[in-house]
Protein backbone atom coordinates (compact mmCIF):
# COMPACT_ATOMS: atom_id res chain seq x y z
CA MET A 1 -9.15 -9.42 0.35
CA ARG A 2 -10.18 -13.04 0.48
CA ARG A 3 -11.06 -14.17 -3.05
CA GLU A 4 -13.18 -17.16 -2.10
CA ASP A 5 -15.90 -14.93 -0.61
CA ASN A 6 -14.78 -11.42 -1.71
CA ARG A 7 -14.36 -10.32 1.90
CA LEU A 8 -12.31 -7.19 2.38
CA HIS A 9 -10.48 -6.29 5.55
CA ARG A 10 -8.51 -3.05 5.79
CA GLU A 11 -5.99 -2.27 8.51
CA PHE A 12 -3.84 0.80 8.96
CA CYS A 13 -0.49 0.10 10.58
CA THR A 14 1.91 2.38 12.38
CA SER A 15 5.14 0.52 11.62
CA ILE A 16 6.57 -2.33 9.60
CA ASP A 17 6.52 -4.54 12.70
CA ASP A 18 2.85 -3.66 13.26
CA PHE A 19 2.11 -4.55 9.63
CA LEU A 20 3.95 -7.88 9.79
CA GLU A 21 2.18 -8.87 12.98
CA LYS A 22 -1.27 -8.03 11.61
CA ALA A 23 -0.65 -9.47 8.14
CA SER A 24 0.48 -12.82 9.53
CA ALA A 25 -3.17 -13.59 10.38
CA TYR A 26 -4.16 -13.30 6.69
CA LYS A 27 -1.96 -15.86 4.91
CA ASP A 28 -4.90 -17.17 2.86
CA TRP A 29 -5.97 -13.66 1.80
CA GLU A 30 -4.76 -11.24 -0.86
CA VAL A 31 -2.39 -8.98 1.14
CA TYR A 32 -1.43 -5.53 -0.15
CA PHE A 33 0.54 -2.58 1.14
CA SER A 34 0.34 1.11 0.39
CA LEU A 35 3.25 2.85 -1.26
CA ALA A 36 2.43 6.05 0.62
CA THR A 37 2.17 6.56 4.34
CA ARG A 38 -1.27 7.81 5.37
CA PHE A 39 -2.52 10.73 7.35
CA GLY A 40 -4.85 8.98 9.77
CA GLN A 41 -6.90 6.14 8.33
CA ASP A 42 -7.83 7.65 4.98
CA GLY A 43 -7.18 5.20 2.13
CA THR A 44 -7.80 7.81 -0.58
CA LYS A 45 -5.29 9.99 -2.39
CA VAL A 46 -6.19 12.89 -0.09
CA GLY A 47 -5.10 10.76 2.88
CA CYS A 48 -1.63 10.12 1.48
CA TYR A 49 1.16 11.80 3.42
CA ARG A 50 4.64 10.78 2.21
CA ILE A 51 6.09 8.44 -0.38
CA ALA A 52 9.61 7.09 -0.70
CA THR A 53 9.28 4.98 -3.84
CA LEU A 54 8.51 5.26 -7.53
CA TRP A 55 6.91 2.18 -9.07
CA CYS A 56 5.75 0.53 -12.25
CA ASP A 57 3.19 -2.29 -12.48
CA LEU A 58 4.00 -4.53 -15.45
CA ASP A 59 1.04 -6.92 -15.65
CA GLY A 60 1.54 -10.13 -17.58
CA LYS A 61 5.30 -9.66 -17.90
CA THR A 62 8.18 -11.75 -16.62
CA PHE A 63 11.59 -10.49 -15.55
CA SER A 64 13.04 -11.56 -18.90
CA ASP A 65 10.43 -9.40 -20.70
CA CYS A 66 11.62 -6.27 -18.90
CA GLU A 67 14.41 -4.05 -20.14
CA PHE A 68 15.02 -1.09 -17.87
CA SER A 69 17.08 1.90 -19.00
CA ILE A 70 16.87 3.03 -15.37
CA GLN A 71 17.58 0.02 -13.17
CA PRO A 72 15.00 -0.47 -10.38
CA ASP A 73 16.15 -1.17 -6.81
CA ILE A 74 13.60 -3.94 -6.22
CA LEU A 75 11.72 -6.28 -8.55
CA VAL A 76 8.70 -8.26 -7.41
CA ASN A 77 7.18 -11.23 -9.18
CA SER A 78 3.53 -10.54 -8.28
CA GLY A 79 2.34 -13.93 -9.48
CA GLY A 80 0.78 -12.25 -12.51
CA GLY A 81 3.47 -9.83 -13.62
CA VAL A 82 6.29 -7.66 -12.38
CA HIS A 83 6.33 -4.72 -9.98
CA ALA A 84 9.43 -2.53 -10.26
CA TYR A 85 10.41 -0.12 -7.48
CA TRP A 86 12.86 2.75 -7.47
CA LEU A 87 13.72 3.93 -3.96
CA LEU A 88 13.94 7.69 -3.48
CA HIS A 89 16.82 9.14 -1.44
CA ASN A 90 14.35 10.97 0.80
CA PRO A 91 10.59 10.63 1.33
CA VAL A 92 8.52 13.16 -0.61
CA LEU A 93 5.62 14.97 1.05
CA VAL A 94 2.54 14.40 -1.12
CA ARG A 95 -0.14 15.81 1.19
CA GLY A 96 -2.12 18.75 -0.14
CA GLU A 97 -2.01 17.74 -3.81
CA ARG A 98 1.78 17.60 -3.84
CA TRP A 99 1.37 14.17 -5.40
CA VAL A 100 1.25 15.53 -8.97
CA PRO A 101 5.04 15.30 -9.68
CA ILE A 102 5.21 11.76 -8.24
CA GLU A 103 2.26 10.59 -10.33
CA ASN A 104 3.75 12.26 -13.42
CA ARG A 105 6.97 10.29 -12.88
CA ALA A 106 5.04 7.06 -12.28
CA ARG A 107 3.11 7.62 -15.54
CA TRP A 108 6.40 8.25 -17.36
CA LEU A 109 7.79 4.96 -16.00
CA ALA A 110 4.63 3.12 -17.08
CA ARG A 111 4.86 4.55 -20.61
CA GLU A 112 8.63 3.99 -20.83
CA PHE A 113 8.54 0.33 -19.73
CA GLY A 114 5.11 -0.78 -20.97
CA GLY A 115 3.45 -0.74 -17.56
CA ASP A 116 -0.14 -0.18 -16.50
CA ILE A 117 -0.86 3.56 -16.71
CA ASN A 118 -3.94 3.04 -14.51
CA THR A 119 -1.80 2.10 -11.48
CA THR A 120 0.14 5.35 -11.13
CA ASP A 121 -1.83 7.08 -8.37
CA VAL A 122 -0.12 7.71 -5.01
CA SER A 123 -2.88 5.83 -3.19
CA ARG A 124 -1.94 2.64 -5.07
CA ILE A 125 -1.67 -0.60 -3.15
CA LEU A 126 0.44 -3.50 -4.39
CA ARG A 127 0.96 -7.12 -3.42
CA VAL A 128 3.16 -8.01 -0.47
CA PRO A 129 6.06 -10.40 -1.09
CA ALA A 130 5.93 -13.72 0.80
CA TYR A 131 2.12 -13.80 0.50
CA PHE A 132 0.12 -15.33 -2.34
CA ASN A 133 -1.73 -14.14 -5.43
CA HIS A 134 -4.97 -16.11 -5.23
CA LYS A 135 -6.25 -15.07 -8.67
CA TYR A 136 -4.70 -18.30 -9.93
CA ASN A 137 -5.25 -21.94 -9.10
CA PRO A 138 -2.97 -22.92 -7.55
CA ALA A 139 -2.17 -19.63 -5.86
CA ARG A 140 1.18 -18.10 -6.82
CA GLU A 141 3.70 -16.83 -4.31
CA VAL A 142 4.65 -13.15 -4.54
CA ARG A 143 8.46 -12.84 -4.43
CA ALA A 144 10.77 -9.85 -4.13
CA TYR A 145 14.30 -9.58 -5.51
CA ALA A 146 16.85 -6.89 -4.75
CA VAL A 147 18.48 -5.81 -7.99
């Protein structure tokens, strides 16, 4: 999404390399990625296929505000808060309403760590590190940190 004119451009990518190539043309846009792979080009929950990550969106928090009893694998400074990611050992099939256990775990993480309960659906998109959060002036860089 480009904030200055609220333009939205959606692309579905077939690989990380495909994503990086396409995303490089949108440096001045809000760039997001989906936590779940998609079945075709359906951006809804029904179109989700597999997921390999649990997450928690901690809006308005800094790393020093966060105390995790279960240490995340990746922390992202989103420019307006923290995104925490726990990598699963194997991808989980979520197609056909198999997303319920994943969303239940994401809601538990949100409640446990004071995250946003409204960002726990498997179709969630989150900010991409190395791009910018343009909600602020000046724009803030999104940065990832391995824990």
